[in-house]
């Protein structure tokens, strides 16, 4: 994938919505898993794989375990 795509990334824990600008402008929500665990979901259009890597690196630096990454729509 070389072009833009819409992604959904879910991490364990809570990330404040103020982080959206540092995470490619992704929308931030806080769904609960069936077991009651609090998570943060980030969803939005990302320009390319390099931008996705930037988002994932930021989450890594914040010590937020990534639970899933889904490509919802490409192109």
N, C-alpha and C. Protein backbone atom coordinates (compact mmCIF):
# COMPACT_ATOMS: atom_id res chain seq x y z
N UNK A 1 0.84 -1.19 0.00
CA UNK A 1 0.00 0.00 0.00
C UNK A 1 0.88 1.24 0.00
N UNK A 2 0.79 1.95 -1.05
CA UNK A 2 1.62 3.14 -1.17
C UNK A 2 0.84 4.43 -0.94
N UNK A 3 -0.47 4.38 -1.08
CA UNK A 3 -1.28 5.59 -0.97
C UNK A 3 -2.03 5.65 0.34
N UNK A 4 -2.97 6.56 0.43
CA UNK A 4 -3.75 6.73 1.66
C UNK A 4 -4.69 5.56 1.91
N UNK A 5 -4.98 5.35 3.18
CA UNK A 5 -5.91 4.29 3.59
C UNK A 5 -6.52 4.69 4.93
N UNK A 6 -7.68 4.12 5.22
CA UNK A 6 -8.32 4.34 6.51
C UNK A 6 -7.99 3.17 7.43
N UNK A 7 -7.51 3.51 8.62
CA UNK A 7 -7.10 2.49 9.59
C UNK A 7 -7.85 2.64 10.90
N UNK A 8 -7.93 1.52 11.60
CA UNK A 8 -8.41 1.50 12.99
C UNK A 8 -7.34 0.79 13.80
N UNK A 9 -6.85 1.47 14.82
CA UNK A 9 -5.82 0.93 15.70
C UNK A 9 -6.40 0.91 17.11
N UNK A 10 -6.29 -0.23 17.77
CA UNK A 10 -6.79 -0.33 19.14
C UNK A 10 -5.61 -0.63 20.08
N UNK A 11 -5.55 0.12 21.18
CA UNK A 11 -4.49 -0.06 22.17
C UNK A 11 -5.10 -0.27 23.55
N UNK A 12 -4.34 -0.92 24.40
CA UNK A 12 -4.77 -1.12 25.79
C UNK A 12 -4.51 0.18 26.56
N UNK A 13 -5.47 0.58 27.38
CA UNK A 13 -5.31 1.78 28.18
C UNK A 13 -6.07 2.96 27.59
N UNK A 14 -5.88 4.11 28.22
CA UNK A 14 -6.61 5.31 27.83
C UNK A 14 -5.65 6.37 27.33
N UNK A 15 -5.96 6.90 26.16
CA UNK A 15 -5.18 7.98 25.56
C UNK A 15 -6.10 9.17 25.38
N UNK A 16 -5.71 10.31 25.90
CA UNK A 16 -6.52 11.51 25.85
C UNK A 16 -6.71 11.98 24.40
N UNK A 17 -7.86 12.55 24.11
CA UNK A 17 -8.19 13.02 22.76
C UNK A 17 -7.24 14.11 22.28
N UNK A 18 -6.55 14.79 23.19
CA UNK A 18 -5.58 15.82 22.81
C UNK A 18 -4.43 15.27 21.97
N UNK A 19 -4.22 13.96 22.00
CA UNK A 19 -3.15 13.33 21.23
C UNK A 19 -3.48 13.20 19.75
N UNK A 20 -4.68 13.48 19.35
CA UNK A 20 -5.10 13.29 17.96
C UNK A 20 -4.15 13.99 16.97
N UNK A 21 -3.76 15.21 17.26
CA UNK A 21 -2.89 15.95 16.34
C UNK A 21 -1.52 15.30 16.20
N UNK A 22 -1.06 14.60 17.22
CA UNK A 22 0.24 13.90 17.15
C UNK A 22 0.10 12.52 16.50
N UNK A 23 -1.12 12.10 16.27
CA UNK A 23 -1.39 10.77 15.72
C UNK A 23 -2.13 10.88 14.39
N UNK A 24 -1.60 11.68 13.50
CA UNK A 24 -2.12 11.85 12.13
C UNK A 24 -3.57 12.31 12.08
N UNK A 25 -4.02 12.99 13.14
CA UNK A 25 -5.38 13.51 13.16
C UNK A 25 -6.46 12.46 13.33
N UNK A 26 -6.07 11.27 13.78
CA UNK A 26 -7.04 10.18 13.93
C UNK A 26 -8.05 10.50 15.04
N UNK A 27 -9.28 10.05 14.84
CA UNK A 27 -10.32 10.19 15.87
C UNK A 27 -10.01 9.21 17.00
N UNK A 28 -10.21 9.67 18.23
CA UNK A 28 -9.90 8.85 19.40
C UNK A 28 -11.18 8.60 20.18
N UNK A 29 -11.47 7.32 20.41
CA UNK A 29 -12.63 6.94 21.23
C UNK A 29 -12.14 5.94 22.28
N UNK A 30 -13.03 5.64 23.23
CA UNK A 30 -12.65 4.77 24.35
C UNK A 30 -13.66 3.64 24.56
N UNK A 31 -13.66 2.67 23.64
CA UNK A 31 -14.58 1.53 23.81
C UNK A 31 -14.10 0.60 24.92
N UNK A 32 -15.03 -0.12 25.50
CA UNK A 32 -14.67 -1.15 26.48
C UNK A 32 -14.79 -2.51 25.80
N UNK A 33 -13.86 -3.37 26.13
CA UNK A 33 -13.89 -4.73 25.61
C UNK A 33 -14.93 -5.52 26.39
N UNK A 34 -15.37 -6.65 25.86
CA UNK A 34 -16.37 -7.47 26.56
C UNK A 34 -15.95 -7.85 27.98
N UNK A 35 -14.63 -7.96 28.22
CA UNK A 35 -14.16 -8.30 29.57
C UNK A 35 -14.07 -7.08 30.49
N UNK A 36 -14.47 -5.90 30.00
CA UNK A 36 -14.47 -4.68 30.80
C UNK A 36 -13.19 -3.88 30.71
N UNK A 37 -12.19 -4.41 30.03
CA UNK A 37 -10.92 -3.70 29.90
C UNK A 37 -11.10 -2.42 29.09
N UNK A 38 -10.51 -1.33 29.59
CA UNK A 38 -10.59 -0.06 28.88
C UNK A 38 -9.54 -0.02 27.77
N UNK A 39 -9.98 0.42 26.60
CA UNK A 39 -9.07 0.53 25.46
C UNK A 39 -9.25 1.90 24.81
N UNK A 40 -8.33 2.22 23.93
CA UNK A 40 -8.43 3.41 23.10
C UNK A 40 -8.44 2.96 21.65
N UNK A 41 -9.38 3.46 20.88
CA UNK A 41 -9.45 3.17 19.44
C UNK A 41 -9.14 4.45 18.69
N UNK A 42 -8.25 4.32 17.72
CA UNK A 42 -7.91 5.43 16.85
C UNK A 42 -8.37 5.06 15.45
N UNK A 43 -9.07 5.96 14.81
CA UNK A 43 -9.57 5.65 13.47
C UNK A 43 -9.45 6.88 12.59
N UNK A 44 -8.94 6.67 11.38
CA UNK A 44 -8.84 7.78 10.45
C UNK A 44 -8.03 7.44 9.23
N UNK A 45 -8.01 8.38 8.32
CA UNK A 45 -7.31 8.22 7.05
C UNK A 45 -5.85 8.63 7.25
N UNK A 46 -4.95 7.76 6.82
CA UNK A 46 -3.52 8.00 6.96
C UNK A 46 -2.91 8.06 5.56
N UNK A 47 -2.00 8.98 5.37
CA UNK A 47 -1.46 9.28 4.04
C UNK A 47 -0.74 8.11 3.40
N UNK A 48 0.05 7.36 4.18
CA UNK A 48 0.84 6.27 3.60
C UNK A 48 1.40 5.40 4.73
N UNK A 49 2.17 4.39 4.35
CA UNK A 49 2.72 3.45 5.34
C UNK A 49 3.70 4.15 6.29
N UNK A 50 4.42 5.14 5.81
CA UNK A 50 5.35 5.88 6.67
C UNK A 50 4.58 6.61 7.78
N UNK A 51 3.44 7.19 7.44
CA UNK A 51 2.62 7.88 8.44
C UNK A 51 2.04 6.87 9.43
N UNK A 52 1.65 5.70 8.96
CA UNK A 52 1.16 4.65 9.86
C UNK A 52 2.28 4.23 10.82
N UNK A 53 3.48 4.06 10.30
CA UNK A 53 4.62 3.70 11.15
C UNK A 53 4.86 4.79 12.20
N UNK A 54 4.68 6.04 11.83
CA UNK A 54 4.82 7.14 12.79
C UNK A 54 3.81 7.05 13.91
N UNK A 55 2.56 6.74 13.57
CA UNK A 55 1.51 6.56 14.58
C UNK A 55 1.88 5.41 15.52
N UNK A 56 2.27 4.29 14.95
CA UNK A 56 2.61 3.11 15.77
C UNK A 56 3.84 3.37 16.63
N UNK A 57 4.82 4.10 16.11
CA UNK A 57 6.00 4.45 16.92
C UNK A 57 5.63 5.35 18.09
N UNK A 58 4.73 6.30 17.86
CA UNK A 58 4.28 7.17 18.95
C UNK A 58 3.59 6.37 20.04
N UNK A 59 2.73 5.44 19.65
CA UNK A 59 2.06 4.58 20.62
C UNK A 59 3.07 3.74 21.40
N UNK A 60 4.08 3.24 20.72
CA UNK A 60 5.14 2.46 21.36
C UNK A 60 5.87 3.31 22.39
N UNK A 61 6.22 4.55 22.02
CA UNK A 61 6.92 5.45 22.93
C UNK A 61 6.08 5.80 24.15
N UNK A 62 4.76 5.75 24.01
CA UNK A 62 3.84 6.01 25.13
C UNK A 62 3.59 4.76 25.97
N UNK A 63 4.21 3.64 25.58
CA UNK A 63 4.07 2.35 26.29
C UNK A 63 2.63 1.85 26.29
N UNK A 64 1.93 2.08 25.17
CA UNK A 64 0.56 1.59 25.02
C UNK A 64 0.58 0.33 24.15
N UNK A 65 0.27 -0.82 24.71
CA UNK A 65 0.29 -2.06 23.93
C UNK A 65 -0.76 -2.02 22.81
N UNK A 66 -0.32 -2.31 21.60
CA UNK A 66 -1.22 -2.34 20.44
C UNK A 66 -1.96 -3.67 20.43
N UNK A 67 -3.28 -3.62 20.44
CA UNK A 67 -4.12 -4.82 20.42
C UNK A 67 -4.47 -5.24 19.00
N UNK A 68 -4.68 -4.26 18.11
CA UNK A 68 -5.01 -4.59 16.73
C UNK A 68 -4.79 -3.40 15.81
N UNK A 69 -4.52 -3.72 14.56
CA UNK A 69 -4.42 -2.71 13.49
C UNK A 69 -5.23 -3.27 12.32
N UNK A 70 -6.20 -2.51 11.86
CA UNK A 70 -7.04 -2.94 10.75
C UNK A 70 -7.02 -1.89 9.65
N UNK A 71 -6.87 -2.33 8.43
CA UNK A 71 -7.03 -1.46 7.28
C UNK A 71 -8.50 -1.57 6.87
N UNK A 72 -9.24 -0.48 7.06
CA UNK A 72 -10.67 -0.50 6.77
C UNK A 72 -10.98 -0.21 5.31
N UNK A 73 -10.16 0.64 4.69
CA UNK A 73 -10.39 1.01 3.29
C UNK A 73 -9.09 1.55 2.72
N UNK A 74 -8.71 1.07 1.56
CA UNK A 74 -7.50 1.59 0.93
C UNK A 74 -7.85 2.27 -0.39
N UNK A 75 -6.92 3.09 -0.82
CA UNK A 75 -7.13 3.77 -2.09
C UNK A 75 -7.83 5.07 -1.99
